[in-house]
Amino acid sequence: MNAAPSSTWFTTGPHWGWFIALYFFFGGLAGGSYFLAALIDLFGRREDRPLAHIGYYIAFPCVALSGLLLTVDLGKPMRFWHMLIESNTYRPMFKYWSPMSIGSWVLLAFGFFTLASFLGALAEDDRIPWPAFRKLRAPAAPGLVVELLGGISGFYVASYTGVLLAVTNRPIWSDTPLLGMLFVVSAASTSAALMTLLAHRSALTLPGLADLRRMETWVIALELLVFIAVVASLGRVLSAWLNVWGLLLLIVVALGMIAPLFLSWRRSPIRDVSMSTTAILVLIAGFLLRVVIVFSSEGV
């Protein structure tokens, strides 16, 4: 279905597929989980450190998988290398005006930070026989530096894919300035949901888990408000979603935002079931949201 008439000249669609949709989803989980884990480490209670470990255990595999998905989607692995190094001069390829160039470098740096914190968490949990890696965890000085810089880069990774879409001349993507905000809020909700789910499945009873659960609820509410703002900002272009993609978006809102809010705020005698159900719904909706945004522009 064609969108409303526009004076904007649109580029040819990038023909992104499932690899990119998955890359956006796992990248958001990596950035959001690391950012939340760093907040717990830097400003939370010491007894909540196992909860931060869960965030680091999520972040490193997810960012590694994101890099693999991006590389596979490019078709030729050397193309990703060329985003970092000039092929003829072998000098660093950095374009400060390009979100894609900045994002490539931040993603690379973030990978090192997630690996460092991943190893630090393993050492602190006595899962690897190298206690020296414990210095990569706060409050040790190296750990403070890693987690501070990693938290900042994690926040960027969680949001930059939405910003990248917003600066791409394609219908829907370039018609709202709020995709970056939507992606970062969605990353926060899905990451909090996954951390809560894994902590619950691990039978962890930590003071910070209740705080994380409350934060998840408020972030979902904020995500709903940001989504409404995105829809309002599209104006006449919203007609591009009067199809199966729009129907899927309604399912995302109903199952991934409204239903979790209802389950979180009602007084239920079976809180464990509500917690798991809410987390699963949020994760599914977070993935479907990226699927709709990526694929719906291709068909316009």
Protein backbone atom coordinates (compact mmCIF):
# COMPACT_ATOMS: atom_id res chain seq x y z
CA MET A 1 0.00 0.00 0.00
CA ASN A 2 1.39 3.40 -0.91
CA ALA A 3 1.87 6.06 1.71
CA ALA A 4 0.39 9.54 1.49
CA PRO A 5 1.96 11.83 -1.12
CA SER A 6 5.17 13.47 0.03
CA SER A 7 7.60 15.98 -1.37
CA THR A 8 10.47 13.95 0.00
CA TRP A 9 12.57 11.97 -2.47
CA PHE A 10 13.05 8.46 -1.15
CA THR A 11 16.06 6.29 -1.79
CA THR A 12 15.83 2.72 -3.02
CA GLY A 13 14.93 0.33 -0.22
CA PRO A 14 17.92 -1.37 1.42
CA HIS A 15 16.08 -4.73 1.19
CA TRP A 16 16.89 -5.61 4.76
CA GLY A 17 15.67 -9.01 5.89
CA TRP A 18 15.39 -11.14 8.98
CA PHE A 19 19.08 -10.89 9.81
CA ILE A 20 18.76 -7.13 10.30
CA ALA A 21 15.53 -7.43 12.29
CA LEU A 22 17.28 -9.93 14.58
CA TYR A 23 20.36 -7.71 14.72
CA PHE A 24 18.23 -4.79 15.90
CA PHE A 25 16.56 -6.97 18.53
CA PHE A 26 19.67 -8.59 19.98
CA GLY A 27 21.61 -5.33 19.77
CA GLY A 28 18.89 -3.68 21.84
CA LEU A 29 19.04 -6.50 24.38
CA ALA A 30 22.83 -6.22 24.59
CA GLY A 31 22.84 -2.46 25.07
CA GLY A 32 19.89 -2.37 27.44
CA SER A 33 21.05 -5.29 29.60
CA TYR A 34 24.56 -3.91 29.97
CA PHE A 35 23.29 -0.42 30.79
CA LEU A 36 20.96 -1.77 33.50
CA ALA A 37 23.71 -4.02 34.90
CA ALA A 38 26.12 -1.09 35.05
CA LEU A 39 23.52 1.02 36.88
CA ILE A 40 23.04 -1.76 39.43
CA ASP A 41 26.81 -2.08 39.93
CA LEU A 42 27.56 1.64 40.12
CA PHE A 43 24.57 2.84 42.13
CA GLY A 44 22.86 -0.25 43.58
CA ARG A 45 23.29 -2.40 46.64
CA ARG A 46 26.25 -4.74 46.90
CA GLU A 47 23.92 -7.69 47.54
CA ASP A 48 22.36 -7.10 44.10
CA ARG A 49 25.60 -7.84 42.24
CA PRO A 50 24.31 -11.29 41.10
CA LEU A 51 21.49 -9.42 39.31
CA ALA A 52 24.06 -7.28 37.51
CA HIS A 53 25.87 -10.48 36.52
CA ILE A 54 22.74 -11.60 34.68
CA GLY A 55 22.87 -8.40 32.63
CA TYR A 56 26.50 -9.03 31.69
CA TYR A 57 25.76 -12.67 30.86
CA ILE A 58 23.07 -11.44 28.46
CA ALA A 59 25.04 -8.56 26.93
CA PHE A 60 28.16 -10.32 25.65
CA PRO A 61 26.47 -13.22 23.78
CA CYS A 62 23.88 -10.82 22.36
CA VAL A 63 26.44 -8.33 21.06
CA ALA A 64 28.52 -11.17 19.60
CA LEU A 65 25.42 -12.54 17.87
CA SER A 66 24.55 -9.03 16.63
CA GLY A 67 27.95 -8.65 15.02
CA LEU A 68 27.64 -12.07 13.40
CA LEU A 69 24.16 -11.27 12.04
CA LEU A 70 25.33 -7.95 10.64
CA THR A 71 28.35 -9.53 8.99
CA VAL A 72 26.30 -12.35 7.47
CA ASP A 73 23.74 -9.88 6.13
CA LEU A 74 26.47 -7.92 4.36
CA GLY A 75 27.18 -11.03 2.27
CA LYS A 76 30.93 -10.48 2.30
CA PRO A 77 32.57 -10.37 5.75
CA MET A 78 35.22 -7.91 4.51
CA ARG A 79 32.50 -5.31 4.04
CA PHE A 80 32.24 -4.88 7.80
CA TRP A 81 36.00 -4.50 8.01
CA HIS A 82 35.76 -1.77 5.38
CA MET A 83 33.37 0.12 7.66
CA LEU A 84 36.28 0.42 10.10
CA ILE A 85 39.40 0.52 7.89
CA GLU A 86 39.94 2.17 4.52
CA SER A 87 40.70 -0.56 1.99
CA ASN A 88 43.31 1.43 0.04
CA THR A 89 45.17 3.28 2.82
CA TYR A 90 44.44 0.95 5.77
CA ARG A 91 43.70 3.99 7.90
CA PRO A 92 40.78 4.07 10.33
CA MET A 93 37.51 4.81 8.55
CA PHE A 94 35.67 7.29 10.76
CA LYS A 95 32.96 9.66 9.56
CA TYR A 96 31.71 11.76 12.45
CA TRP A 97 28.68 12.86 10.41
CA SER A 98 27.53 9.30 9.73
CA PRO A 99 25.47 7.42 12.37
CA MET A 100 26.47 4.17 10.62
CA SER A 101 30.20 4.92 10.90
CA ILE A 102 29.95 6.05 14.52
CA GLY A 103 27.74 3.07 15.29
CA SER A 104 30.27 0.63 13.83
CA TRP A 105 33.05 1.94 16.08
CA VAL A 106 30.84 2.12 19.17
CA LEU A 107 29.62 -1.43 18.52
CA LEU A 108 33.24 -2.62 18.31
CA ALA A 109 34.20 -0.83 21.55
CA PHE A 110 31.05 -2.07 23.24
CA GLY A 111 32.02 -5.62 22.32
CA PHE A 112 35.28 -5.23 24.27
CA PHE A 113 33.45 -3.77 27.28
CA THR A 114 30.87 -6.57 27.32
CA LEU A 115 33.62 -9.20 27.09
CA ALA A 116 35.52 -7.61 29.99
CA SER A 117 32.44 -7.47 32.21
CA PHE A 118 31.42 -10.98 31.14
CA LEU A 119 34.80 -12.34 32.26
CA GLY A 120 34.66 -10.29 35.45
CA ALA A 121 31.24 -11.71 36.32
CA LEU A 122 32.40 -15.26 35.61
CA ALA A 123 35.43 -14.77 37.87
CA GLU A 124 33.35 -13.27 40.68
CA ASP A 125 30.94 -16.23 40.43
CA ASP A 126 33.95 -18.61 40.55
CA ARG A 127 33.04 -20.04 37.15
CA ILE A 128 36.52 -19.50 35.71
CA PRO A 129 39.83 -20.12 37.57
CA TRP A 130 41.25 -16.63 36.96
CA PRO A 131 40.54 -14.42 39.98
CA ALA A 132 42.53 -11.55 38.43
CA PHE A 133 39.53 -10.88 36.17
CA ARG A 134 37.60 -9.75 39.25
CA LYS A 135 39.36 -6.41 38.87
CA LEU A 136 37.20 -5.88 35.78
CA ARG A 137 34.25 -5.43 38.13
CA ALA A 138 33.45 -2.34 40.19
CA PRO A 139 34.47 -1.09 42.72
CA ALA A 140 37.96 -1.91 41.40
CA ALA A 141 39.31 1.01 39.33
CA PRO A 142 39.55 -0.95 36.04
CA GLY A 143 36.00 -2.21 36.59
CA LEU A 144 34.69 1.31 37.21
CA VAL A 145 36.20 2.53 33.95
CA VAL A 146 34.91 -0.46 31.98
CA GLU A 147 31.39 -0.23 33.36
CA LEU A 148 31.13 3.54 32.99
CA LEU A 149 32.30 3.54 29.36
CA GLY A 150 30.42 0.31 28.65
CA GLY A 151 27.21 1.74 30.08
CA ILE A 152 27.48 4.85 27.89
CA SER A 153 28.24 2.81 24.76
CA GLY A 154 25.46 0.36 25.67
CA PHE A 155 22.95 3.20 25.78
CA TYR A 156 24.18 4.34 22.37
CA VAL A 157 23.95 0.85 20.88
CA ALA A 158 20.39 0.47 22.19
CA SER A 159 19.26 3.68 20.48
CA TYR A 160 21.43 4.17 17.42
CA THR A 161 19.61 1.68 15.18
CA GLY A 162 16.47 3.78 15.52
CA VAL A 163 18.48 6.94 14.78
CA LEU A 164 20.04 5.20 11.77
CA LEU A 165 16.58 4.47 10.38
CA ALA A 166 15.41 8.03 11.05
CA VAL A 167 18.22 9.53 8.94
CA THR A 168 17.56 7.09 6.07
CA ASN A 169 15.34 8.56 3.36
CA ARG A 170 12.64 5.93 3.44
CA PRO A 171 8.90 6.18 4.14
CA ILE A 172 7.99 5.92 7.84
CA TRP A 173 11.67 5.86 8.90
CA SER A 174 12.40 9.44 7.88
CA ASP A 175 8.91 10.73 8.69
CA THR A 176 9.36 10.74 12.47
CA PRO A 177 12.27 11.89 14.65
CA LEU A 178 11.22 9.59 17.48
CA LEU A 179 12.44 6.16 16.31
CA GLY A 180 15.65 6.45 18.33
CA MET A 181 13.64 7.17 21.48
CA LEU A 182 11.24 4.31 20.73
CA PHE A 183 14.10 1.86 20.20
CA VAL A 184 15.94 2.82 23.39
CA VAL A 185 12.78 2.59 25.52
CA SER A 186 11.92 -0.74 23.90
CA ALA A 187 15.46 -1.97 24.59
CA ALA A 188 15.06 -1.01 28.24
CA SER A 189 11.73 -2.83 28.57
CA THR A 190 12.89 -6.02 26.83
CA SER A 191 16.19 -6.08 28.72
CA ALA A 192 14.50 -5.58 32.09
CA ALA A 193 12.00 -8.29 31.17
CA LEU A 194 14.71 -10.80 30.24
CA MET A 195 16.80 -10.03 33.33
CA THR A 196 13.72 -10.39 35.54
CA LEU A 197 12.74 -13.66 33.86
CA LEU A 198 16.21 -15.19 34.19
CA ALA A 199 16.55 -14.04 37.80
CA HIS A 200 13.16 -15.57 38.59
CA ARG A 201 14.05 -18.84 36.83
CA SER A 202 17.33 -18.92 38.80
CA ALA A 203 15.37 -18.54 42.05
CA LEU A 204 17.31 -15.41 43.00
CA THR A 205 15.76 -13.46 45.86
CA LEU A 206 17.38 -10.04 45.77
CA PRO A 207 16.18 -6.62 46.96
CA GLY A 208 17.00 -5.16 43.55
CA LEU A 209 14.76 -7.62 41.73
CA ALA A 210 11.63 -5.90 43.02
CA ASP A 211 13.10 -2.55 41.98
CA LEU A 212 13.88 -3.90 38.52
CA ARG A 213 10.36 -5.28 38.25
CA ARG A 214 8.87 -1.89 39.11
CA MET A 215 11.18 -0.16 36.67
CA GLU A 216 10.11 -2.61 33.94
CA THR A 217 6.47 -1.68 34.51
CA TRP A 218 7.11 2.05 34.30
CA VAL A 219 9.30 1.67 31.23
CA ILE A 220 6.53 -0.29 29.48
CA ALA A 221 4.15 2.57 30.27
CA LEU A 222 6.68 5.03 28.86
CA GLU A 223 7.10 2.85 25.77
CA LEU A 224 3.36 3.00 25.17
CA LEU A 225 3.43 6.81 25.39
CA VAL A 226 6.42 7.05 23.04
CA PHE A 227 4.71 4.72 20.56
CA ILE A 228 1.60 6.94 20.60
CA ALA A 229 3.85 9.95 19.97
CA VAL A 230 5.48 8.15 17.03
CA VAL A 231 2.08 7.39 15.51
CA ALA A 232 0.97 11.00 15.99
CA SER A 233 4.18 12.36 14.45
CA LEU A 234 3.68 10.35 11.24
CA GLY A 235 0.63 12.38 10.23
CA ARG A 236 -0.77 11.37 6.83
CA VAL A 237 2.08 8.90 6.33
CA LEU A 238 0.34 6.75 8.93
CA SER A 239 -1.78 5.46 6.04
CA ALA A 240 1.22 3.27 5.13
CA TRP A 241 0.29 1.14 8.16
CA LEU A 242 -3.30 0.57 7.09
CA ASN A 243 -2.48 -3.01 6.18
CA VAL A 244 -1.26 -6.23 7.77
CA TRP A 245 1.69 -4.38 9.34
CA GLY A 246 -0.70 -2.05 11.13
CA LEU A 247 -2.64 -5.05 12.40
CA LEU A 248 0.58 -6.59 13.70
CA LEU A 249 1.40 -3.29 15.44
CA LEU A 250 -1.95 -3.40 17.21
CA ILE A 251 -1.07 -6.90 18.40
CA VAL A 252 2.29 -5.59 19.62
CA VAL A 253 0.59 -2.81 21.60
CA ALA A 254 -2.11 -5.08 23.00
CA LEU A 255 0.07 -8.03 23.98
CA GLY A 256 3.41 -6.30 24.60
CA MET A 257 2.31 -3.11 26.36
CA ILE A 258 -1.29 -3.08 27.56
CA ALA A 259 -1.46 -6.72 28.71
CA PRO A 260 1.85 -6.57 30.64
CA LEU A 261 0.74 -3.35 32.35
CA PHE A 262 -2.51 -5.02 33.38
CA LEU A 263 -0.72 -8.11 34.67
CA SER A 264 1.87 -6.01 36.52
CA TRP A 265 -0.52 -3.63 38.25
CA ARG A 266 -3.33 -5.98 39.22
CA ARG A 267 -3.16 -7.77 42.55
CA SER A 268 -2.72 -11.42 41.61
CA PRO A 269 -2.37 -14.39 43.97
CA ILE A 270 -0.10 -16.04 41.42
CA ARG A 271 2.56 -13.34 40.98
CA ASP A 272 5.13 -15.82 39.63
CA VAL A 273 2.90 -16.69 36.67
CA SER A 274 2.20 -13.00 35.99
CA MET A 275 5.90 -12.16 36.13
CA SER A 276 6.91 -14.85 33.63
CA THR A 277 3.98 -14.13 31.32
CA THR A 278 4.68 -10.40 31.34
CA ALA A 279 8.36 -10.91 30.53
CA ILE A 280 7.63 -13.29 27.65
CA LEU A 281 4.99 -10.97 26.17
CA VAL A 282 7.34 -7.99 26.34
CA LEU A 283 10.15 -9.92 24.63
CA ILE A 284 7.91 -11.15 21.81
CA ALA A 285 6.46 -7.67 21.28
CA GLY A 286 9.91 -6.07 21.29
CA PHE A 287 11.01 -8.35 18.47
CA LEU A 288 7.80 -7.89 16.47
CA LEU A 289 8.05 -4.11 16.82
CA ARG A 290 11.40 -4.15 15.04
CA VAL A 291 10.11 -6.56 12.41
CA VAL A 292 7.22 -4.23 11.57
CA ILE A 293 9.38 -1.10 11.42
CA VAL A 294 12.05 -2.76 9.27
CA PHE A 295 9.76 -4.54 6.80
CA SER A 296 6.85 -2.09 6.53
CA SER A 297 9.02 0.57 4.87
CA GLU A 298 10.15 -1.92 2.24
CA GLY A 299 6.63 -2.37 0.94
CA VAL A 300 5.83 1.36 0.59
